[in-house]
Amino acid sequence: MEFALILPFLILILLGVVEFGRFFNAWLMVTHSSREGARLASLGGSSLQVEERVDLVMTYFDTSRITVTISPSGTKSRGDMVTVIVNYDIDPLTPMISIITGGTVHLHSDTVMRVE
């Protein structure tokens, strides 16, 4: 009888751990892709090349949900600072966790590097 009372809480905790792992993995990939994009932009890469690099790093994720912002977007001269901002929205797999998180979770990372 006690196990029947505790089982829903154990399942909720297990699903929460799995979802947290997914969210944390996605956050790490967003951060890494932001750094990769900023590094390429600091070496003189174009905005299109930076967006392609970010999409390449985020291969296992839905690339239609990725938003990349590069500032400044035009030509950059040596010593300027370039900022790459990557945004990604991820949906929880389980409805119970979706209720707790309020639906879509927004992940954000920005990286600033000096143009070489």
PDB file of N, CA and C in Angstrom:
ATOM      1  N   MET A   1       0.821  -1.188   0.000  1.00  0.00           N
ATOM      2  CA  MET A   1       0.000   0.000   0.000  1.00  0.00           C
ATOM      3  C   MET A   1       0.873   1.262   0.000  1.00  0.00           C
ATOM      4  N   GLU A   2       1.932   1.243   0.814  1.00  0.00           N
ATOM      5  CA  GLU A   2       2.796   2.421   0.881  1.00  0.00           C
ATOM      6  C   GLU A   2       3.490   2.677  -0.456  1.00  0.00           C
ATOM      7  N   PHE A   3       3.876   1.597  -1.132  1.00  0.00           N
ATOM      8  CA  PHE A   3       4.541   1.754  -2.418  1.00  0.00           C
ATOM      9  C   PHE A   3       3.598   2.376  -3.443  1.00  0.00           C
ATOM     10  N   ALA A   4       2.340   2.021  -3.400  1.00  0.00           N
ATOM     11  CA  ALA A   4       1.356   2.592  -4.327  1.00  0.00           C
ATOM     12  C   ALA A   4       1.180   4.088  -4.086  1.00  0.00           C
ATOM     13  N   LEU A   5       1.343   4.526  -2.859  1.00  0.00           N
ATOM     14  CA  LEU A   5       1.236   5.949  -2.548  1.00  0.00           C
ATOM     15  C   LEU A   5       2.490   6.724  -2.977  1.00  0.00           C
ATOM     16  N   ILE A   6       3.638   6.083  -2.882  1.00  0.00           N
ATOM     17  CA  ILE A   6       4.913   6.743  -3.183  1.00  0.00           C
ATOM     18  C   ILE A   6       5.257   6.694  -4.671  1.00  0.00           C
ATOM     19  N   LEU A   7       4.738   5.712  -5.412  1.00  0.00           N
ATOM     20  CA  LEU A   7       5.099   5.509  -6.813  1.00  0.00           C
ATOM     21  C   LEU A   7       4.909   6.746  -7.689  1.00  0.00           C
ATOM     22  N   PRO A   8       3.806   7.493  -7.620  1.00  0.00           N
ATOM     23  CA  PRO A   8       3.693   8.686  -8.468  1.00  0.00           C
ATOM     24  C   PRO A   8       4.789   9.723  -8.206  1.00  0.00           C
ATOM     25  N   PHE A   9       5.183   9.893  -6.962  1.00  0.00           N
ATOM     26  CA  PHE A   9       6.251  10.841  -6.636  1.00  0.00           C
ATOM     27  C   PHE A   9       7.597  10.358  -7.156  1.00  0.00           C
ATOM     28  N   LEU A  10       7.840   9.060  -7.076  1.00  0.00           N
ATOM     29  CA  LEU A  10       9.091   8.517  -7.602  1.00  0.00           C
ATOM     30  C   LEU A  10       9.164   8.682  -9.118  1.00  0.00           C
ATOM     31  N   ILE A  11       8.056   8.450  -9.788  1.00  0.00           N
ATOM     32  CA  ILE A  11       8.026   8.629 -11.244  1.00  0.00           C
ATOM     33  C   ILE A  11       8.234  10.095 -11.599  1.00  0.00           C
ATOM     34  N   LEU A  12       7.607  10.994 -10.865  1.00  0.00           N
ATOM     35  CA  LEU A  12       7.782  12.422 -11.118  1.00  0.00           C
ATOM     36  C   LEU A  12       9.237  12.847 -10.912  1.00  0.00           C
ATOM     37  N   ILE A  13       9.866  12.353  -9.881  1.00  0.00           N
ATOM     38  CA  ILE A  13      11.275  12.668  -9.630  1.00  0.00           C
ATOM     39  C   ILE A  13      12.156  12.108 -10.742  1.00  0.00           C
ATOM     40  N   LEU A  14      11.887  10.878 -11.174  1.00  0.00           N
ATOM     41  CA  LEU A  14      12.669  10.268 -12.247  1.00  0.00           C
ATOM     42  C   LEU A  14      12.520  11.056 -13.546  1.00  0.00           C
ATOM     43  N   LEU A  15      11.296  11.421 -13.899  1.00  0.00           N
ATOM     44  CA  LEU A  15      11.076  12.206 -15.114  1.00  0.00           C
ATOM     45  C   LEU A  15      11.714  13.592 -15.002  1.00  0.00           C
ATOM     46  N   GLY A  16      11.696  14.167 -13.809  1.00  0.00           N
ATOM     47  CA  GLY A  16      12.347  15.457 -13.593  1.00  0.00           C
ATOM     48  C   GLY A  16      13.846  15.380 -13.803  1.00  0.00           C
ATOM     49  N   VAL A  17      14.453  14.313 -13.352  1.00  0.00           N
ATOM     50  CA  VAL A  17      15.894  14.131 -13.536  1.00  0.00           C
ATOM     51  C   VAL A  17      16.227  13.981 -15.017  1.00  0.00           C
ATOM     52  N   VAL A  18      15.423  13.228 -15.744  1.00  0.00           N
ATOM     53  CA  VAL A  18      15.652  13.041 -17.181  1.00  0.00           C
ATOM     54  C   VAL A  18      15.498  14.372 -17.925  1.00  0.00           C
ATOM     55  N   GLU A  19      14.441  15.113 -17.616  1.00  0.00           N
ATOM     56  CA  GLU A  19      14.228  16.408 -18.272  1.00  0.00           C
ATOM     57  C   GLU A  19      15.329  17.398 -17.925  1.00  0.00           C
ATOM     58  N   PHE A  20      15.762  17.414 -16.670  1.00  0.00           N
ATOM     59  CA  PHE A  20      16.858  18.294 -16.287  1.00  0.00           C
ATOM     60  C   PHE A  20      18.112  17.960 -17.080  1.00  0.00           C
ATOM     61  N   GLY A  21      18.386  16.686 -17.292  1.00  0.00           N
ATOM     62  CA  GLY A  21      19.534  16.277 -18.087  1.00  0.00           C
ATOM     63  C   GLY A  21      19.421  16.759 -19.522  1.00  0.00           C
ATOM     64  N   ARG A  22      18.236  16.672 -20.106  1.00  0.00           N
ATOM     65  CA  ARG A  22      18.024  17.167 -21.468  1.00  0.00           C
ATOM     66  C   ARG A  22      18.240  18.676 -21.541  1.00  0.00           C
ATOM     67  N   PHE A  23      17.656  19.407 -20.572  1.00  0.00           N
ATOM     68  CA  PHE A  23      17.792  20.863 -20.567  1.00  0.00           C
ATOM     69  C   PHE A  23      19.245  21.281 -20.364  1.00  0.00           C
ATOM     70  N   PHE A  24      19.940  20.599 -19.469  1.00  0.00           N
ATOM     71  CA  PHE A  24      21.330  20.937 -19.197  1.00  0.00           C
ATOM     72  C   PHE A  24      22.206  20.649 -20.418  1.00  0.00           C
ATOM     73  N   ASN A  25      21.954  19.532 -21.101  1.00  0.00           N
ATOM     74  CA  ASN A  25      22.692  19.217 -22.316  1.00  0.00           C
ATOM     75  C   ASN A  25      22.440  20.279 -23.386  1.00  0.00           C
ATOM     76  N   ALA A  26      21.203  20.686 -23.553  1.00  0.00           N
ATOM     77  CA  ALA A  26      20.881  21.718 -24.545  1.00  0.00           C
ATOM     78  C   ALA A  26      21.549  23.032 -24.179  1.00  0.00           C
ATOM     79  N   TRP A  27      21.560  23.390 -22.900  1.00  0.00           N
ATOM     80  CA  TRP A  27      22.216  24.632 -22.470  1.00  0.00           C
ATOM     81  C   TRP A  27      23.717  24.583 -22.754  1.00  0.00           C
ATOM     82  N   LEU A  28      24.344  23.444 -22.498  1.00  0.00           N
ATOM     83  CA  LEU A  28      25.769  23.298 -22.792  1.00  0.00           C
ATOM     84  C   LEU A  28      26.034  23.449 -24.288  1.00  0.00           C
ATOM     85  N   MET A  29      25.182  22.885 -25.116  1.00  0.00           N
ATOM     86  CA  MET A  29      25.363  22.990 -26.561  1.00  0.00           C
ATOM     87  C   MET A  29      25.137  24.420 -27.052  1.00  0.00           C
ATOM     88  N   VAL A  30      24.165  25.121 -26.472  1.00  0.00           N
ATOM     89  CA  VAL A  30      23.929  26.521 -26.844  1.00  0.00           C
ATOM     90  C   VAL A  30      25.144  27.363 -26.470  1.00  0.00           C
ATOM     91  N   THR A  31      25.685  27.151 -25.287  1.00  0.00           N
ATOM     92  CA  THR A  31      26.865  27.886 -24.848  1.00  0.00           C
ATOM     93  C   THR A  31      28.067  27.581 -25.740  1.00  0.00           C
ATOM     94  N   HIS A  32      28.261  26.316 -26.049  1.00  0.00           N
ATOM     95  CA  HIS A  32      29.387  25.922 -26.895  1.00  0.00           C
ATOM     96  C   HIS A  32      29.243  26.499 -28.303  1.00  0.00           C
ATOM     97  N   SER A  33      28.044  26.454 -28.852  1.00  0.00           N
ATOM     98  CA  SER A  33      27.850  26.985 -30.206  1.00  0.00           C
ATOM     99  C   SER A  33      28.049  28.497 -30.239  1.00  0.00           C
ATOM    100  N   SER A  34      27.679  29.183 -29.168  1.00  0.00           N
ATOM    101  CA  SER A  34      27.909  30.626 -29.086  1.00  0.00           C
ATOM    102  C   SER A  34      29.409  30.925 -29.082  1.00  0.00           C
ATOM    103  N   ARG A  35      30.166  30.159 -28.353  1.00  0.00           N
ATOM    104  CA  ARG A  35      31.623  30.350 -28.311  1.00  0.00           C
ATOM    105  C   ARG A  35      32.262  30.038 -29.659  1.00  0.00           C
ATOM    106  N   GLU A  36      31.809  28.956 -30.295  1.00  0.00           N
ATOM    107  CA  GLU A  36      32.347  28.609 -31.613  1.00  0.00           C
ATOM    108  C   GLU A  36      32.050  29.711 -32.631  1.00  0.00           C
ATOM    109  N   GLY A  37      30.825  30.215 -32.603  1.00  0.00           N
ATOM    110  CA  GLY A  37      30.463  31.282 -33.525  1.00  0.00           C
ATOM    111  C   GLY A  37      31.247  32.555 -33.281  1.00  0.00           C
ATOM    112  N   ALA A  38      31.440  32.911 -32.020  1.00  0.00           N
ATOM    113  CA  ALA A  38      32.198  34.119 -31.692  1.00  0.00           C
ATOM    114  C   ALA A  38      33.658  33.972 -32.095  1.00  0.00           C
ATOM    115  N   ARG A  39      34.201  32.789 -31.933  1.00  0.00           N
ATOM    116  CA  ARG A  39      35.591  32.567 -32.336  1.00  0.00           C
ATOM    117  C   ARG A  39      35.749  32.724 -33.842  1.00  0.00           C
ATOM    118  N   LEU A  40      34.814  32.155 -34.595  1.00  0.00           N
ATOM    119  CA  LEU A  40      34.870  32.288 -36.044  1.00  0.00           C
ATOM    120  C   LEU A  40      34.686  33.742 -36.470  1.00  0.00           C
ATOM    121  N   ALA A  41      33.773  34.456 -35.822  1.00  0.00           N
ATOM    122  CA  ALA A  41      33.558  35.870 -36.155  1.00  0.00           C
ATOM    123  C   ALA A  41      34.781  36.706 -35.801  1.00  0.00           C
ATOM    124  N   SER A  42      35.471  36.362 -34.717  1.00  0.00           N
ATOM    125  CA  SER A  42      36.660  37.132 -34.337  1.00  0.00           C
ATOM    126  C   SER A  42      37.826  36.895 -35.283  1.00  0.00           C
ATOM    127  N   LEU A  43      37.777  35.792 -36.010  1.00  0.00           N
ATOM    128  CA  LEU A  43      38.826  35.505 -36.997  1.00  0.00           C
ATOM    129  C   LEU A  43      38.471  36.035 -38.379  1.00  0.00           C
ATOM    130  N   GLY A  44      37.352  36.748 -38.492  1.00  0.00           N
ATOM    131  CA  GLY A  44      36.985  37.365 -39.759  1.00  0.00           C
ATOM    132  C   GLY A  44      35.920  36.641 -40.543  1.00  0.00           C
ATOM    133  N   GLY A  45      35.243  35.679 -39.936  1.00  0.00           N
ATOM    134  CA  GLY A  45      34.187  34.957 -40.632  1.00  0.00           C
ATOM    135  C   GLY A  45      32.968  35.841 -40.864  1.00  0.00           C
ATOM    136  N   SER A  46      32.262  35.560 -41.935  1.00  0.00           N
ATOM    137  CA  SER A  46      31.062  36.337 -42.243  1.00  0.00           C
ATOM    138  C   SER A  46      29.896  35.883 -41.358  1.00  0.00           C
ATOM    139  N   SER A  47      28.826  36.649 -41.389  1.00  0.00           N
ATOM    140  CA  SER A  47      27.651  36.306 -40.592  1.00  0.00           C
ATOM    141  C   SER A  47      27.060  34.973 -41.025  1.00  0.00           C
ATOM    142  N   LEU A  48      27.060  34.702 -42.310  1.00  0.00           N
ATOM    143  CA  LEU A  48      26.545  33.437 -42.821  1.00  0.00           C
ATOM    144  C   LEU A  48      27.403  32.269 -42.341  1.00  0.00           C
ATOM    145  N   GLN A  49      28.716  32.439 -42.344  1.00  0.00           N
ATOM    146  CA  GLN A  49      29.603  31.384 -41.859  1.00  0.00           C
ATOM    147  C   GLN A  49      29.394  31.127 -40.373  1.00  0.00           C
ATOM    148  N   VAL A  50      29.172  32.195 -39.609  1.00  0.00           N
ATOM    149  CA  VAL A  50      28.937  32.041 -38.168  1.00  0.00           C
ATOM    150  C   VAL A  50      27.647  31.279 -37.930  1.00  0.00           C
ATOM    151  N   GLU A  51      26.586  31.619 -38.651  1.00  0.00           N
ATOM    152  CA  GLU A  51      25.313  30.910 -38.487  1.00  0.00           C
ATOM    153  C   GLU A  51      25.441  29.440 -38.886  1.00  0.00           C
ATOM    154  N   GLU A  52      26.192  29.166 -39.939  1.00  0.00           N
ATOM    155  CA  GLU A  52      26.419  27.779 -40.348  1.00  0.00           C
ATOM    156  C   GLU A  52      27.203  27.006 -39.289  1.00  0.00           C
ATOM    157  N   ARG A  53      28.187  27.662 -38.674  1.00  0.00           N
ATOM    158  CA  ARG A  53      28.967  26.994 -37.628  1.00  0.00           C
ATOM    159  C   ARG A  53      28.095  26.686 -36.417  1.00  0.00           C
ATOM    160  N   VAL A  54      27.238  27.628 -36.043  1.00  0.00           N
ATOM    161  CA  VAL A  54      26.332  27.395 -34.911  1.00  0.00           C
ATOM    162  C   VAL A  54      25.403  26.224 -35.227  1.00  0.00           C
ATOM    163  N   ASP A  55      24.850  26.186 -36.432  1.00  0.00           N
ATOM    164  CA  ASP A  55      23.981  25.070 -36.815  1.00  0.00           C
ATOM    165  C   ASP A  55      24.745  23.750 -36.838  1.00  0.00           C
ATOM    166  N   LEU A  56      26.010  23.794 -37.242  1.00  0.00           N
ATOM    167  CA  LEU A  56      26.824  22.586 -37.282  1.00  0.00           C
ATOM    168  C   LEU A  56      27.070  22.047 -35.873  1.00  0.00           C
ATOM    169  N   VAL A  57      27.324  22.932 -34.931  1.00  0.00           N
ATOM    170  CA  VAL A  57      27.568  22.504 -33.550  1.00  0.00           C
ATOM    171  C   VAL A  57      26.291  21.943 -32.932  1.00  0.00           C
ATOM    172  N   MET A  58      25.153  22.515 -33.282  1.00  0.00           N
ATOM    173  CA  MET A  58      23.864  22.092 -32.715  1.00  0.00           C
ATOM    174  C   MET A  58      23.210  21.019 -33.594  1.00  0.00           C
ATOM    175  N   THR A  59      23.964  20.026 -34.045  1.00  0.00           N
ATOM    176  CA  THR A  59      23.463  19.050 -35.010  1.00  0.00           C
ATOM    177  C   THR A  59      22.299  18.220 -34.487  1.00  0.00           C
ATOM    178  N   TYR A  60      22.258  17.867 -33.230  1.00  0.00           N
ATOM    179  CA  TYR A  60      21.223  16.981 -32.710  1.00  0.00           C
ATOM    180  C   TYR A  60      19.965  17.721 -32.281  1.00  0.00           C
ATOM    181  N   PHE A  61      19.913  19.015 -32.519  1.00  0.00           N
ATOM    182  CA  PHE A  61      18.776  19.815 -32.092  1.00  0.00           C
ATOM    183  C   PHE A  61      18.032  20.352 -33.315  1.00  0.00           C
ATOM    184  N   ASP A  62      16.815  20.790 -33.095  1.00  0.00           N
ATOM    185  CA  ASP A  62      15.985  21.342 -34.170  1.00  0.00           C
ATOM    186  C   ASP A  62      16.542  22.710 -34.553  1.00  0.00           C
ATOM    187  N   THR A  63      17.178  22.786 -35.718  1.00  0.00           N
ATOM    188  CA  THR A  63      17.839  24.030 -36.121  1.00  0.00           C
ATOM    189  C   THR A  63      16.852  25.137 -36.472  1.00  0.00           C
ATOM    190  N   SER A  64      15.585  24.796 -36.666  1.00  0.00           N
ATOM    191  CA  SER A  64      14.602  25.850 -36.954  1.00  0.00           C
ATOM    192  C   SER A  64      14.271  26.657 -35.694  1.00  0.00           C
ATOM    193  N   ARG A  65      14.631  26.153 -34.528  1.00  0.00           N
ATOM    194  CA  ARG A  65      14.364  26.860 -33.268  1.00  0.00           C
ATOM    195  C   ARG A  65      15.558  27.691 -32.801  1.00  0.00           C
ATOM    196  N   ILE A  66      16.649  27.664 -33.544  1.00  0.00           N
ATOM    197  CA  ILE A  66      17.858  28.388 -33.157  1.00  0.00           C
ATOM    198  C   ILE A  66      17.799  29.792 -33.743  1.00  0.00           C
ATOM    199  N   THR A  67      18.086  30.783 -32.901  1.00  0.00           N
ATOM    200  CA  THR A  67      18.186  32.159 -33.347  1.00  0.00           C
ATOM    201  C   THR A  67      19.597  32.650 -33.056  1.00  0.00           C
ATOM    202  N   VAL A  68      20.276  33.143 -34.098  1.00  0.00           N
ATOM    203  CA  VAL A  68      21.650  33.632 -33.957  1.00  0.00           C
ATOM    204  C   VAL A  68      21.666  35.120 -34.272  1.00  0.00           C
ATOM    205  N   THR A  69      22.241  35.908 -33.361  1.00  0.00           N
ATOM    206  CA  THR A  69      22.391  37.346 -33.566  1.00  0.00           C
ATOM    207  C   THR A  69      23.871  37.691 -33.463  1.00  0.00           C
ATOM    208  N   ILE A  70      24.386  38.385 -34.491  1.00  0.00           N
ATOM    209  CA  ILE A  70      25.793  38.771 -34.517  1.00  0.00           C
ATOM    210  C   ILE A  70      25.859  40.290 -34.518  1.00  0.00           C
ATOM    211  N   SER A  71      26.668  40.836 -33.619  1.00  0.00           N
ATOM    212  CA  SER A  71      26.784  42.289 -33.519  1.00  0.00           C
ATOM    213  C   SER A  71      28.261  42.665 -33.409  1.00  0.00           C
ATOM    214  N   PRO A  72      28.798  43.521 -34.211  1.00  0.00           N
ATOM    215  CA  PRO A  72      28.196  44.189 -35.366  1.00  0.00           C
ATOM    216  C   PRO A  72      28.098  43.222 -36.532  1.00  0.00           C
ATOM    217  N   SER A  73      27.084  43.428 -37.369  1.00  0.00           N
ATOM    218  CA  SER A  73      26.841  42.482 -38.455  1.00  0.00           C
ATOM    219  C   SER A  73      27.661  42.786 -39.701  1.00  0.00           C
ATOM    220  N   GLY A  74      28.139  44.004 -39.844  1.00  0.00           N
ATOM    221  CA  GLY A  74      28.914  44.381 -41.028  1.00  0.00           C
ATOM    222  C   GLY A  74      30.371  43.987 -40.898  1.00  0.00           C
ATOM    223  N   THR A  75      31.208  44.753 -41.588  1.00  0.00           N
ATOM    224  CA  THR A  75      32.643  44.483 -41.516  1.00  0.00           C
ATOM    225  C   THR A  75      33.176  44.877 -40.146  1.00  0.00           C
ATOM    226  N   LYS A  76      34.134  44.097 -39.701  1.00  0.00           N
ATOM    227  CA  LYS A  76      34.733  44.316 -38.386  1.00  0.00           C
ATOM    228  C   LYS A  76      36.216  44.593 -38.581  1.00  0.00           C
ATOM    229  N   SER A  77      36.713  45.549 -37.856  1.00  0.00           N
ATOM    230  CA  SER A  77      38.136  45.842 -37.960  1.00  0.00           C
ATOM    231  C   SER A  77      38.851  45.289 -36.726  1.00  0.00           C
ATOM    232  N   ARG A  78      40.153  45.160 -36.859  1.00  0.00           N
ATOM    233  CA  ARG A  78      40.964  44.579 -35.791  1.00  0.00           C
ATOM    234  C   ARG A  78      40.820  45.378 -34.500  1.00  0.00           C
ATOM    235  N   GLY A  79      40.606  44.680 -33.395  1.00  0.00           N
ATOM    236  CA  GLY A  79      40.456  45.311 -32.092  1.00  0.00           C
ATOM    237  C   GLY A  79      39.014  45.549 -31.683  1.00  0.00           C
ATOM    238  N   ASP A  80      38.084  45.485 -32.640  1.00  0.00           N
ATOM    239  CA  ASP A  80      36.664  45.631 -32.305  1.00  0.00           C
ATOM    240  C   ASP A  80      36.186  44.409 -31.524  1.00  0.00           C
ATOM    241  N   MET A  81      35.088  44.578 -30.824  1.00  0.00           N
ATOM    242  CA  MET A  81      34.474  43.473 -30.098  1.00  0.00           C
ATOM    243  C   MET A  81      33.305  42.942 -30.928  1.00  0.00           C
ATOM    244  N   VAL A  82      33.211  41.639 -31.031  1.00  0.00           N
ATOM    245  CA  VAL A  82      32.106  41.008 -31.736  1.00  0.00           C
ATOM    246  C   VAL A  82      31.317  40.167 -30.727  1.00  0.00           C
ATOM    247  N   THR A  83      29.991  40.254 -30.820  1.00  0.00           N
ATOM    248  CA  THR A  83      29.110  39.530 -29.911  1.00  0.00           C
ATOM    249  C   THR A  83      28.256  38.560 -30.714  1.00  0.00           C
ATOM    250  N   VAL A  84      28.207  37.314 -30.262  1.00  0.00           N
ATOM    251  CA  VAL A  84      27.340  36.308 -30.874  1.00  0.00           C
ATOM    252  C   VAL A  84      26.365  35.837 -29.803  1.00  0.00           C
ATOM    253  N   ILE A  85      25.076  35.984 -30.101  1.00  0.00           N
ATOM    254  CA  ILE A  85      24.012  35.591 -29.176  1.00  0.00           C
ATOM    255  C   ILE A  85      23.249  34.435 -29.810  1.00  0.00           C
ATOM    256  N   VAL A  86      23.109  33.345 -29.056  1.00  0.00           N
ATOM    257  CA  VAL A  86      22.373  32.171 -29.530  1.00  0.00           C
ATOM    258  C   VAL A  86      21.210  31.931 -28.582  1.00  0.00           C
ATOM    259  N   ASN A  87      20.007  31.817 -29.147  1.00  0.00           N
ATOM    260  CA  ASN A  87      18.801  31.503 -28.401  1.00  0.00           C
ATOM    261  C   ASN A  87      18.223  30.197 -28.922  1.00  0.00           C
ATOM    262  N   TYR A  88      17.690  29.391 -28.010  1.00  0.00           N
ATOM    263  CA  TYR A  88      17.091  28.111 -28.388  1.00  0.00           C
ATOM    264  C   TYR A  88      15.940  27.823 -27.448  1.00  0.00           C
ATOM    265  N   ASP A  89      14.820  27.391 -28.008  1.00  0.00           N
ATOM    266  CA  ASP A  89      13.645  27.008 -27.215  1.00  0.00           C
ATOM    267  C   ASP A  89      13.502  25.499 -27.265  1.00  0.00           C
ATOM    268  N   ILE A  90      13.361  24.890 -26.087  1.00  0.00           N
ATOM    269  CA  ILE A  90      13.231  23.442 -25.986  1.00  0.00           C
ATOM    270  C   ILE A  90      11.937  23.117 -25.242  1.00  0.00           C
ATOM    271  N   ASP A  91      11.240  22.109 -25.724  1.00  0.00           N
ATOM    272  CA  ASP A  91       9.997  21.668 -25.099  1.00  0.00           C
ATOM    273  C   ASP A  91      10.250  20.439 -24.249  1.00  0.00           C
ATOM    274  N   PRO A  92       9.647  20.368 -23.065  1.00  0.00           N
ATOM    275  CA  PRO A  92       9.752  19.153 -22.259  1.00  0.00           C
ATOM    276  C   PRO A  92       9.046  17.989 -22.955  1.00  0.00           C
ATOM    277  N   LEU A  93       9.523  16.769 -22.722  1.00  0.00           N
ATOM    278  CA  LEU A  93       8.913  15.591 -23.321  1.00  0.00           C
ATOM    279  C   LEU A  93       7.660  15.145 -22.576  1.00  0.00           C
ATOM    280  N   THR A  94       7.644  15.333 -21.269  1.00  0.00           N
ATOM    281  CA  THR A  94       6.532  14.827 -20.467  1.00  0.00           C
ATOM    282  C   THR A  94       5.572  15.950 -20.081  1.00  0.00           C
ATOM    283  N   PRO A  95       4.275  15.666 -20.110  1.00  0.00           N
ATOM    284  CA  PRO A  95       3.292  16.700 -19.773  1.00  0.00           C
ATOM    285  C   PRO A  95       3.405  17.202 -18.325  1.00  0.00           C
ATOM    286  N   MET A  96       3.757  16.336 -17.401  1.00  0.00           N
ATOM    287  CA  MET A  96       3.856  16.767 -15.994  1.00  0.00           C
ATOM    288  C   MET A  96       4.975  17.792 -15.811  1.00  0.00           C
ATOM    289  N   ILE A  97       6.099  17.555 -16.441  1.00  0.00           N
ATOM    290  CA  ILE A  97       7.213  18.500 -16.347  1.00  0.00           C
ATOM    291  C   ILE A  97       6.867  19.776 -17.107  1.00  0.00           C
ATOM    292  N   SER A  98       6.112  19.646 -18.192  1.00  0.00           N
ATOM    293  CA  SER A  98       5.679  20.819 -18.946  1.00  0.00           C
ATOM    294  C   SER A  98       4.797  21.725 -18.089  1.00  0.00           C
ATOM    295  N   ILE A  99       3.977  21.139 -17.257  1.00  0.00           N
ATOM    296  CA  ILE A  99       3.141  21.928 -16.344  1.00  0.00           C
ATOM    297  C   ILE A  99       4.005  22.664 -15.325  1.00  0.00           C
ATOM    298  N   ILE A 100       5.018  22.000 -14.820  1.00  0.00           N
ATOM    299  CA  ILE A 100       5.895  22.599 -13.812  1.00  0.00           C
ATOM    300  C   ILE A 100       6.737  23.727 -14.418  1.00  0.00           C
ATOM    301  N   THR A 101       7.294  23.508 -15.617  1.00  0.00           N
ATOM    302  CA  THR A 101       8.159  24.518 -16.231  1.00  0.00           C
ATOM    303  C   THR A 101       7.372  25.604 -16.952  1.00  0.00           C
ATOM    304  N   GLY A 102       6.106  25.384 -17.180  1.00  0.00           N
ATOM    305  CA  GLY A 102       5.297  26.374 -17.874  1.00  0.00           C
ATOM    306  C   GLY A 102       5.397  26.265 -19.386  1.00  0.00           C
ATOM    307  N   GLY A 103       5.774  25.110 -19.891  1.00  0.00           N
ATOM    308  CA  GLY A 103       5.857  24.911 -21.344  1.00  0.00           C
ATOM    309  C   GLY A 103       7.279  25.011 -21.841  1.00  0.00           C
ATOM    310  N   THR A 104       7.466  25.755 -22.898  1.00  0.00           N
ATOM    311  CA  THR A 104       8.766  25.869 -23.550  1.00  0.00           C
ATOM    312  C   THR A 104       9.789  26.537 -22.632  1.00  0.00           C
ATOM    313  N   VAL A 105      10.996  25.982 -22.616  1.00  0.00           N
ATOM    314  CA  VAL A 105      12.097  26.547 -21.835  1.00  0.00           C
ATOM    315  C   VAL A 105      13.015  27.290 -22.800  1.00  0.00           C
ATOM    316  N   HIS A 106      13.299  28.557 -22.498  1.00  0.00           N
ATOM    317  CA  HIS A 106      14.136  29.398 -23.341  1.00  0.00           C
ATOM    318  C   HIS A 106      15.571  29.357 -22.839  1.00  0.00           C
ATOM    319  N   LEU A 107      16.499  28.973 -23.714  1.00  0.00           N
ATOM    320  CA  LEU A 107      17.922  28.933 -23.376  1.00  0.00           C
ATOM    321  C   LEU A 107      18.636  30.035 -24.144  1.00  0.00           C
ATOM    322  N   HIS A 108      19.569  30.695 -23.483  1.00  0.00           N
ATOM    323  CA  HIS A 108      20.228  31.866 -24.050  1.00  0.00           C
ATOM    324  C   HIS A 108      21.703  31.851 -23.672  1.00  0.00           C
ATOM    325  N   SER A 109      22.553  32.208 -24.645  1.00  0.00           N
ATOM    326  CA  SER A 109      23.972  32.356 -24.366  1.00  0.00           C
ATOM    327  C   SER A 109      24.541  33.433 -25.270  1.00  0.00           C
ATOM    328  N   ASP A 110      25.379  34.274 -24.718  1.00  0.00           N
ATOM    329  CA  ASP A 110      26.062  35.272 -25.534  1.00  0.00           C
ATOM    330  C   ASP A 110      27.552  35.260 -25.203  1.00  0.00           C
ATOM    331  N   THR A 111      28.356  35.453 -26.245  1.00  0.00           N
ATOM    332  CA  THR A 111      29.807  35.433 -26.112  1.00  0.00           C
ATOM    333  C   THR A 111      30.370  36.659 -26.817  1.00  0.00           C
ATOM    334  N   VAL A 112      31.321  37.322 -26.159  1.00  0.00           N
ATOM    335  CA  VAL A 112      31.978  38.501 -26.719  1.00  0.00           C
ATOM    336  C   VAL A 112      33.455  38.186 -26.872  1.00  0.00           C
ATOM    337  N   MET A 113      33.983  38.451 -28.066  1.00  0.00           N
ATOM    338  CA  MET A 113      35.417  38.264 -28.328  1.00  0.00           C
ATOM    339  C   MET A 113      35.964  39.432 -29.131  1.00  0.00           C
ATOM    340  N   ARG A 114      37.252  39.660 -29.004  1.00  0.00           N
ATOM    341  CA  ARG A 114      37.930  40.739 -29.742  1.00  0.00           C
ATOM    342  C   ARG A 114      38.352  40.211 -31.117  1.00  0.00           C
ATOM    343  N   VAL A 115      38.135  41.026 -32.138  1.00  0.00           N
ATOM    344  CA  VAL A 115      38.498  40.649 -33.498  1.00  0.00           C
ATOM    345  C   VAL A 115      40.015  40.679 -33.621  1.00  0.00           C
ATOM    346  N   GLU A 116      40.571  39.616 -34.162  1.00  0.00           N
ATOM    347  CA  GLU A 116      42.032  39.524 -34.312  1.00  0.00           C
ATOM    348  C   GLU A 116      42.474  40.033 -35.656  1.00  0.00           C
TER     349      GLU A 116
END
